[in-house]
Amino acid sequence: MYIVAVNFNNFLNMKTNSLIILFFFSVLLSNAQDTIFLKTSEKITAFVKEVSQAEVQYKKAELPDGPMFIVNKSDIVKIVYKNGYTEVIQSAVVEEKPFVVQYQGTPDINNEKITMKDAKKRYFYLSGLVNRHPDPNRRPELMKSVKGIKGTKALQDGMRTGAIVCGALTIVTGAVYGIFNMISTNVNGNSSGVPDGLAITPIALGSLAVVFTGVAITANVGLNKKRKAFVDLYNQ
């Protein structure tokens, strides 16, 4: 009975000693790691590998050979290193500049002047200029001017195309009329066999070509005036 009691006491002493040793071992192990304190009150036991200006790279204590984790310094309150040193994290203040959409090839909005070369570009380009004008009160009038330029340009292009088409048809129908006239003269000795409509067609088409050309020239003059007015209004 005495032997059993002694053995039981020895067992208790061994168990107690093992617990004490395990406790001290865990304390030493915890002291050999770094601790990251987050602003969410969460603590991360880790091995800190790198601290940069914006982030902290670490490996988890339970996965020393595992993947690298990254946390933003703005989310960290402090880091307590294994040697006892405490680093309080102060987030760097980054000055944010307003984002400004820059249209390629367009002048700067800070009162930079535009020229007739700018006013001769396409509608979407001119609309971009108006939307970027520094004076919002002037934008409606500028947009009205841009729409006027667009309409006059469309008229000019239409009349120019009409003049080219009518001119080409005048040449073709004139040539056909000449051929018929030559054939009729050789056969009948006069041109009385040529249809009257064939003679009128090139004349009518030629007249239309002249009218279209005149309107296109007039539209071009008006277009230049509207472009100049737009440039003057924009640069005021």
Protein backbone atom coordinates (compact mmCIF):
# COMPACT_ATOMS: atom_id res chain seq x y z
CA MET A 1 0.00 0.00 0.00
CA TYR A 2 2.85 2.35 0.81
CA ILE A 3 4.53 1.53 -2.49
CA VAL A 4 1.36 2.38 -4.41
CA ALA A 5 1.05 5.74 -2.59
CA VAL A 6 4.67 6.56 -3.36
CA ASN A 7 4.24 5.68 -7.01
CA PHE A 8 1.08 7.79 -7.18
CA ASN A 9 2.89 10.77 -5.64
CA ASN A 10 5.76 10.33 -8.09
CA PHE A 11 3.23 10.28 -10.93
CA LEU A 12 1.67 13.53 -9.70
CA ASN A 13 5.07 15.16 -9.36
CA MET A 14 6.04 14.08 -12.88
CA LYS A 15 2.77 15.38 -14.30
CA THR A 16 3.17 18.68 -12.49
CA ASN A 17 6.74 19.06 -13.69
CA SER A 18 5.66 18.26 -17.24
CA LEU A 19 2.97 20.93 -17.10
CA ILE A 20 5.43 23.47 -15.75
CA ILE A 21 7.96 22.64 -18.45
CA LEU A 22 5.25 22.80 -21.12
CA PHE A 23 4.09 26.18 -19.78
CA PHE A 24 7.59 27.65 -19.85
CA PHE A 25 8.16 26.16 -23.30
CA SER A 26 4.97 27.79 -24.61
CA VAL A 27 5.99 31.11 -23.05
CA LEU A 28 9.39 30.90 -24.70
CA LEU A 29 7.75 29.91 -27.99
CA SER A 30 5.29 32.83 -27.84
CA ASN A 31 8.11 35.21 -27.05
CA ALA A 32 9.95 33.98 -30.15
CA GLN A 33 7.17 35.29 -32.40
CA ASP A 34 5.89 38.68 -33.47
CA THR A 35 2.40 39.95 -32.75
CA ILE A 36 0.46 42.23 -35.10
CA PHE A 37 -2.36 44.23 -33.49
CA LEU A 38 -5.07 45.25 -35.97
CA LYS A 39 -7.52 48.13 -35.67
CA THR A 40 -10.31 45.54 -35.53
CA SER A 41 -8.88 44.40 -32.11
CA GLU A 42 -7.64 41.20 -33.75
CA LYS A 43 -4.17 39.91 -32.91
CA ILE A 44 -2.06 37.95 -35.37
CA THR A 45 0.79 35.82 -34.09
CA ALA A 46 3.27 35.77 -36.91
CA PHE A 47 6.79 36.02 -38.21
CA VAL A 48 7.11 39.49 -39.74
CA LYS A 49 9.24 39.28 -42.88
CA GLU A 50 9.10 42.77 -44.34
CA VAL A 51 7.68 46.15 -43.43
CA SER A 52 7.36 48.59 -46.32
CA GLN A 53 5.86 52.06 -46.52
CA ALA A 54 2.38 50.78 -47.29
CA GLU A 55 2.18 47.15 -46.14
CA VAL A 56 3.50 44.42 -43.88
CA GLN A 57 4.41 40.96 -45.13
CA TYR A 58 4.33 38.07 -42.67
CA LYS A 59 3.97 34.33 -42.25
CA LYS A 60 1.58 32.81 -39.78
CA ALA A 61 3.18 31.36 -36.67
CA GLU A 62 1.46 28.04 -37.17
CA LEU A 63 2.61 27.95 -40.81
CA PRO A 64 6.23 29.15 -40.76
CA ASP A 65 6.89 27.46 -44.11
CA GLY A 66 3.51 28.43 -45.54
CA PRO A 67 2.48 31.23 -47.86
CA MET A 68 3.30 34.88 -47.34
CA PHE A 69 0.45 37.10 -46.15
CA ILE A 70 0.14 40.85 -46.67
CA VAL A 71 -1.75 43.41 -44.59
CA ASN A 72 -2.01 47.14 -45.19
CA LYS A 73 -0.28 49.33 -42.64
CA SER A 74 -3.41 51.48 -42.49
CA ASP A 75 -5.17 48.50 -40.84
CA ILE A 76 -2.49 48.00 -38.16
CA VAL A 77 -2.24 49.68 -34.74
CA LYS A 78 1.15 48.33 -33.69
CA ILE A 79 3.58 45.44 -34.02
CA VAL A 80 5.23 43.85 -30.99
CA TYR A 81 8.36 42.02 -32.08
CA LYS A 82 9.81 38.92 -30.43
CA ASN A 83 12.63 40.95 -28.88
CA GLY A 84 10.09 43.10 -27.06
CA TYR A 85 10.33 46.15 -29.32
CA THR A 86 6.98 47.77 -30.09
CA GLU A 87 6.44 49.65 -33.32
CA VAL A 88 3.41 51.92 -33.43
CA ILE A 89 2.13 52.21 -36.99
CA GLN A 90 1.29 55.66 -38.28
CA SER A 91 -0.54 55.55 -41.60
CA ALA A 92 1.00 57.71 -44.27
CA VAL A 93 -1.28 60.46 -45.46
CA VAL A 94 -1.52 60.36 -49.24
CA GLU A 95 -2.69 63.52 -50.91
CA GLU A 96 -5.32 62.63 -53.47
CA LYS A 97 -5.43 64.74 -56.58
CA PRO A 98 -8.68 65.10 -58.50
CA PHE A 99 -8.97 62.92 -61.57
CA VAL A 100 -9.36 64.90 -64.77
CA VAL A 101 -10.23 63.31 -68.08
CA GLN A 102 -7.88 64.57 -70.75
CA TYR A 103 -8.99 64.37 -74.36
CA GLN A 104 -6.10 63.53 -76.64
CA GLY A 105 -5.05 66.48 -78.71
CA THR A 106 -7.34 68.96 -76.98
CA PRO A 107 -6.05 72.08 -75.29
CA ASP A 108 -5.81 72.39 -71.53
CA ILE A 109 -8.93 73.73 -69.84
CA ASN A 110 -7.03 76.40 -67.94
CA ASN A 111 -7.96 79.22 -70.32
CA GLU A 112 -5.77 77.93 -73.11
CA LYS A 113 -6.80 79.39 -76.45
CA ILE A 114 -8.05 77.37 -79.39
CA THR A 115 -7.48 78.11 -83.08
CA MET A 116 -9.31 77.63 -86.37
CA LYS A 117 -7.43 74.37 -86.74
CA ASP A 118 -9.22 73.07 -83.62
CA ALA A 119 -12.59 74.34 -84.90
CA LYS A 120 -12.19 72.36 -88.15
CA LYS A 121 -12.18 69.02 -86.35
CA ARG A 122 -15.09 66.63 -85.96
CA TYR A 123 -18.27 67.18 -83.96
CA PHE A 124 -17.34 64.90 -81.05
CA TYR A 125 -14.05 66.76 -80.63
CA LEU A 126 -15.82 70.13 -80.49
CA SER A 127 -18.37 68.72 -78.05
CA GLY A 128 -15.48 67.60 -75.84
CA LEU A 129 -14.05 71.12 -75.94
CA VAL A 130 -17.39 72.58 -74.87
CA ASN A 131 -17.81 70.11 -72.00
CA ARG A 132 -14.33 71.01 -70.72
CA HIS A 133 -14.74 74.78 -70.95
CA PRO A 134 -13.94 76.38 -67.57
CA ASP A 135 -17.06 78.59 -67.66
CA PRO A 136 -20.20 76.41 -67.33
CA ASN A 137 -22.47 79.37 -68.12
CA ARG A 138 -20.97 79.68 -71.59
CA ARG A 139 -21.28 76.01 -72.50
CA PRO A 140 -24.91 76.11 -73.78
CA GLU A 141 -24.09 78.92 -76.23
CA LEU A 142 -20.93 77.13 -77.32
CA MET A 143 -22.85 73.89 -77.88
CA LYS A 144 -25.40 75.78 -79.97
CA SER A 145 -22.54 77.13 -82.07
CA VAL A 146 -21.11 73.61 -82.46
CA LYS A 147 -24.47 72.28 -83.67
CA GLY A 148 -24.62 75.13 -86.19
CA ILE A 149 -21.18 74.15 -87.45
CA LYS A 150 -22.28 70.52 -87.71
CA GLY A 151 -25.40 71.41 -89.73
CA THR A 152 -23.55 73.70 -92.13
CA LYS A 153 -20.81 71.11 -92.60
CA ALA A 154 -23.42 68.46 -93.43
CA LEU A 155 -25.01 70.83 -95.97
CA GLN A 156 -21.64 71.56 -97.54
CA ASP A 157 -20.78 67.86 -97.80
CA GLY A 158 -24.20 67.04 -99.30
CA MET A 159 -24.01 69.79 -101.90
CA ARG A 160 -20.46 68.88 -102.78
CA THR A 161 -21.43 65.25 -103.26
CA GLY A 162 -24.44 66.26 -105.33
CA ALA A 163 -22.27 68.48 -107.53
CA ILE A 164 -19.79 65.68 -108.14
CA VAL A 165 -22.52 63.13 -108.96
CA CYS A 166 -24.42 65.51 -111.25
CA GLY A 167 -21.20 66.57 -112.94
CA ALA A 168 -20.26 62.95 -113.60
CA LEU A 169 -23.74 62.17 -114.96
CA THR A 170 -23.58 65.27 -117.15
CA ILE A 171 -20.41 63.98 -118.75
CA VAL A 172 -21.86 60.49 -119.23
CA THR A 173 -25.21 61.62 -120.66
CA GLY A 174 -23.45 64.23 -122.79
CA ALA A 175 -21.21 61.53 -124.20
CA VAL A 176 -24.22 59.28 -124.90
CA TYR A 177 -26.01 62.17 -126.59
CA GLY A 178 -22.93 62.85 -128.71
CA ILE A 179 -22.73 59.22 -129.79
CA PHE A 180 -26.42 59.10 -130.73
CA ASN A 181 -26.08 62.42 -132.54
CA MET A 182 -23.08 61.17 -134.51
CA ILE A 183 -24.81 57.91 -135.43
CA SER A 184 -28.00 59.73 -136.49
CA THR A 185 -26.04 62.19 -138.60
CA ASN A 186 -24.16 59.43 -140.39
CA VAL A 187 -27.32 57.47 -141.05
CA ASN A 188 -29.88 60.20 -141.81
CA GLY A 189 -27.60 63.06 -142.65
CA ASN A 190 -29.02 65.09 -139.71
CA SER A 191 -29.60 64.79 -135.94
CA SER A 192 -33.39 64.71 -136.09
CA GLY A 193 -33.41 61.08 -135.04
CA VAL A 194 -31.95 61.82 -131.61
CA PRO A 195 -34.59 61.68 -128.80
CA ASP A 196 -35.35 65.10 -127.31
CA GLY A 197 -35.08 63.77 -123.75
CA LEU A 198 -31.55 62.64 -124.36
CA ALA A 199 -30.54 66.20 -125.24
CA ILE A 200 -32.27 67.72 -122.22
CA THR A 201 -30.77 65.28 -119.69
CA PRO A 202 -27.14 66.48 -119.73
CA ILE A 203 -28.33 70.10 -119.70
CA ALA A 204 -30.50 69.49 -116.64
CA LEU A 205 -27.80 67.54 -114.84
CA GLY A 206 -25.22 70.18 -115.66
CA SER A 207 -27.52 72.89 -114.31
CA LEU A 208 -27.99 70.93 -111.09
CA ALA A 209 -24.23 70.49 -110.78
CA VAL A 210 -23.78 74.26 -111.07
CA VAL A 211 -26.48 74.90 -108.46
CA PHE A 212 -25.02 72.34 -106.05
CA THR A 213 -21.56 73.82 -106.52
CA GLY A 214 -22.85 77.31 -105.78
CA VAL A 215 -24.64 76.16 -102.62
CA ALA A 216 -21.52 74.25 -101.50
CA ILE A 217 -19.38 77.37 -101.94
CA THR A 218 -21.92 79.47 -100.02
CA ALA A 219 -22.04 76.85 -97.25
CA ASN A 220 -18.25 76.83 -97.06
CA VAL A 221 -18.18 80.61 -96.57
CA GLY A 222 -20.83 80.34 -93.86
CA LEU A 223 -18.99 77.44 -92.25
CA ASN A 224 -15.79 79.44 -91.93
CA LYS A 225 -17.72 82.32 -90.34
CA LYS A 226 -19.36 79.98 -87.82
CA ARG A 227 -16.03 78.38 -86.97
CA LYS A 228 -14.45 81.77 -86.40
CA ALA A 229 -17.39 82.81 -84.21
CA PHE A 230 -16.97 79.61 -82.18
CA VAL A 231 -13.25 80.24 -81.68
CA ASP A 232 -13.87 83.86 -80.62
CA LEU A 233 -16.62 82.82 -78.20
CA TYR A 234 -14.50 80.04 -76.72
CA ASN A 235 -11.48 82.30 -76.19
CA GLN A 236 -13.38 85.15 -74.56
